[in-house]
Amino acid sequence: MSAEIIWLCDRLAEADADLAIDLRTAVDVAIRDLQEIQAHWGTELALERLAECRSMLRTVLEAS
């Protein structure tokens, strides 16, 4: 048996800009993203996650 793991931050990055996400979920996702950024500090992956996190938080803030 196998499964495909889909990280929430990856799904958010692929979603439309008008994604309906509540502020609590956005903060939870941001905390997870920040942990990943810290673990991969100085890499291209960290920069990508940083941009995704910033974009998601900006979108949620504008929608709230």
N, C-alpha and C. Protein backbone atom coordinates (compact mmCIF):
# COMPACT_ATOMS: atom_id res chain seq x y z
N MET A 1 0.84 -1.16 0.00
CA MET A 1 0.00 0.00 0.00
C MET A 1 0.89 1.23 0.00
N SER A 2 0.50 2.23 -0.77
CA SER A 2 1.27 3.47 -0.80
C SER A 2 0.31 4.66 -0.75
N ALA A 3 0.86 5.78 -0.35
CA ALA A 3 0.05 6.99 -0.25
C ALA A 3 0.87 8.17 -0.74
N GLU A 4 0.18 9.13 -1.28
CA GLU A 4 0.83 10.37 -1.68
C GLU A 4 0.60 11.40 -0.59
N ILE A 5 1.69 11.96 -0.08
CA ILE A 5 1.59 12.98 0.96
C ILE A 5 1.52 14.33 0.27
N ILE A 6 0.47 15.06 0.57
CA ILE A 6 0.30 16.40 0.01
C ILE A 6 0.35 17.39 1.15
N TRP A 7 1.39 18.21 1.18
CA TRP A 7 1.54 19.20 2.24
C TRP A 7 0.51 20.31 2.03
N LEU A 8 -0.06 20.78 3.10
CA LEU A 8 -1.06 21.83 3.02
C LEU A 8 -0.52 23.07 2.32
N CYS A 9 0.71 23.44 2.60
CA CYS A 9 1.27 24.64 1.98
C CYS A 9 1.38 24.47 0.47
N ASP A 10 1.63 23.23 -0.02
CA ASP A 10 1.66 22.98 -1.45
C ASP A 10 0.28 23.14 -2.06
N ARG A 11 -0.73 22.67 -1.36
CA ARG A 11 -2.09 22.80 -1.87
C ARG A 11 -2.51 24.25 -1.91
N LEU A 12 -2.10 25.04 -0.92
CA LEU A 12 -2.46 26.45 -0.90
C LEU A 12 -1.78 27.19 -2.04
N ALA A 13 -0.56 26.83 -2.35
CA ALA A 13 0.17 27.49 -3.42
C ALA A 13 -0.49 27.25 -4.76
N GLU A 14 -1.13 26.10 -4.93
CA GLU A 14 -1.78 25.76 -6.19
C GLU A 14 -3.21 26.28 -6.27
N ALA A 15 -3.77 26.69 -5.15
CA ALA A 15 -5.17 27.12 -5.13
C ALA A 15 -5.32 28.51 -5.72
N ASP A 16 -6.57 28.85 -6.04
CA ASP A 16 -6.87 30.18 -6.55
C ASP A 16 -6.64 31.24 -5.49
N ALA A 17 -6.49 32.48 -5.93
CA ALA A 17 -6.23 33.58 -4.99
C ALA A 17 -7.43 33.83 -4.08
N ASP A 18 -8.63 33.45 -4.51
CA ASP A 18 -9.82 33.69 -3.69
C ASP A 18 -10.13 32.50 -2.78
N LEU A 19 -9.13 31.76 -2.39
CA LEU A 19 -9.27 30.62 -1.50
C LEU A 19 -9.90 31.06 -0.19
N ALA A 20 -10.93 30.36 0.24
CA ALA A 20 -11.59 30.67 1.50
C ALA A 20 -10.89 29.91 2.62
N ILE A 21 -10.08 30.60 3.40
CA ILE A 21 -9.35 29.98 4.49
C ILE A 21 -9.49 30.91 5.69
N ASP A 22 -9.73 30.33 6.84
CA ASP A 22 -9.91 31.16 8.02
C ASP A 22 -8.56 31.56 8.60
N LEU A 23 -8.58 32.60 9.41
CA LEU A 23 -7.35 33.15 9.96
C LEU A 23 -6.61 32.15 10.84
N ARG A 24 -7.33 31.37 11.61
CA ARG A 24 -6.71 30.38 12.49
C ARG A 24 -5.92 29.34 11.69
N THR A 25 -6.52 28.85 10.61
CA THR A 25 -5.84 27.88 9.75
C THR A 25 -4.62 28.51 9.10
N ALA A 26 -4.75 29.75 8.66
CA ALA A 26 -3.63 30.44 8.04
C ALA A 26 -2.45 30.56 8.99
N VAL A 27 -2.73 30.89 10.24
CA VAL A 27 -1.65 31.00 11.23
C VAL A 27 -1.02 29.64 11.47
N ASP A 28 -1.82 28.59 11.56
CA ASP A 28 -1.30 27.24 11.76
C ASP A 28 -0.39 26.85 10.60
N VAL A 29 -0.82 27.11 9.38
CA VAL A 29 -0.02 26.79 8.20
C VAL A 29 1.27 27.62 8.20
N ALA A 30 1.17 28.89 8.57
CA ALA A 30 2.36 29.75 8.61
C ALA A 30 3.38 29.24 9.61
N ILE A 31 2.93 28.80 10.76
CA ILE A 31 3.84 28.25 11.76
C ILE A 31 4.56 27.02 11.21
N ARG A 32 3.84 26.15 10.54
CA ARG A 32 4.47 24.98 9.93
C ARG A 32 5.47 25.38 8.85
N ASP A 33 5.07 26.36 8.03
CA ASP A 33 5.98 26.84 6.99
C ASP A 33 7.25 27.41 7.61
N LEU A 34 7.10 28.18 8.68
CA LEU A 34 8.27 28.77 9.33
C LEU A 34 9.21 27.70 9.90
N GLN A 35 8.65 26.62 10.40
CA GLN A 35 9.48 25.52 10.89
C GLN A 35 10.27 24.90 9.74
N GLU A 36 9.61 24.74 8.59
CA GLU A 36 10.30 24.19 7.42
C GLU A 36 11.37 25.16 6.91
N ILE A 37 11.04 26.45 6.91
CA ILE A 37 12.01 27.46 6.49
C ILE A 37 13.24 27.42 7.38
N GLN A 38 13.02 27.33 8.68
CA GLN A 38 14.13 27.27 9.63
C GLN A 38 15.00 26.03 9.39
N ALA A 39 14.36 24.91 9.13
CA ALA A 39 15.09 23.66 8.92
C ALA A 39 15.93 23.68 7.64
N HIS A 40 15.49 24.47 6.65
CA HIS A 40 16.18 24.52 5.36
C HIS A 40 16.76 25.90 5.07
N TRP A 41 17.09 26.63 6.12
CA TRP A 41 17.56 27.99 6.00
C TRP A 41 18.69 28.12 4.98
N GLY A 42 18.58 29.12 4.11
CA GLY A 42 19.63 29.38 3.13
C GLY A 42 19.50 28.60 1.84
N THR A 43 18.42 27.83 1.69
CA THR A 43 18.24 27.04 0.47
C THR A 43 17.13 27.64 -0.38
N GLU A 44 17.06 27.18 -1.61
CA GLU A 44 16.00 27.61 -2.52
C GLU A 44 14.63 27.20 -1.98
N LEU A 45 14.53 26.02 -1.37
CA LEU A 45 13.28 25.55 -0.79
C LEU A 45 12.78 26.53 0.29
N ALA A 46 13.69 27.01 1.12
CA ALA A 46 13.30 27.95 2.17
C ALA A 46 12.77 29.24 1.57
N LEU A 47 13.40 29.72 0.52
CA LEU A 47 12.93 30.95 -0.13
C LEU A 47 11.55 30.75 -0.76
N GLU A 48 11.33 29.59 -1.36
CA GLU A 48 10.02 29.29 -1.94
C GLU A 48 8.94 29.26 -0.86
N ARG A 49 9.22 28.57 0.23
CA ARG A 49 8.26 28.48 1.33
C ARG A 49 7.98 29.86 1.93
N LEU A 50 9.01 30.68 2.02
CA LEU A 50 8.85 32.03 2.55
C LEU A 50 7.90 32.83 1.67
N ALA A 51 8.08 32.75 0.37
CA ALA A 51 7.20 33.47 -0.56
C ALA A 51 5.77 32.95 -0.48
N GLU A 52 5.60 31.62 -0.39
CA GLU A 52 4.27 31.02 -0.28
C GLU A 52 3.58 31.46 1.01
N CYS A 53 4.33 31.43 2.10
CA CYS A 53 3.79 31.80 3.40
C CYS A 53 3.35 33.26 3.39
N ARG A 54 4.20 34.13 2.89
CA ARG A 54 3.89 35.56 2.82
C ARG A 54 2.65 35.80 1.97
N SER A 55 2.57 35.15 0.83
CA SER A 55 1.43 35.31 -0.07
C SER A 55 0.13 34.84 0.57
N MET A 56 0.19 33.67 1.22
CA MET A 56 -1.00 33.13 1.87
C MET A 56 -1.49 34.05 2.97
N LEU A 57 -0.57 34.51 3.81
CA LEU A 57 -0.96 35.40 4.91
C LEU A 57 -1.52 36.72 4.39
N ARG A 58 -0.93 37.26 3.35
CA ARG A 58 -1.42 38.50 2.76
C ARG A 58 -2.84 38.32 2.21
N THR A 59 -3.07 37.20 1.52
CA THR A 59 -4.39 36.91 0.97
C THR A 59 -5.45 36.79 2.07
N VAL A 60 -5.12 36.07 3.13
CA VAL A 60 -6.06 35.88 4.23
C VAL A 60 -6.32 37.19 4.94
N LEU A 61 -5.29 37.98 5.15
CA LEU A 61 -5.46 39.26 5.82
C LEU A 61 -6.36 40.19 5.02
N GLU A 62 -6.16 40.25 3.72
CA GLU A 62 -6.99 41.10 2.85
C GLU A 62 -8.44 40.63 2.84
N ALA A 63 -8.65 39.32 2.97
CA ALA A 63 -10.01 38.78 2.93
C ALA A 63 -10.73 38.90 4.28
N SER A 64 -9.99 39.17 5.34
CA SER A 64 -10.62 39.21 6.68
C SER A 64 -11.19 40.58 7.00
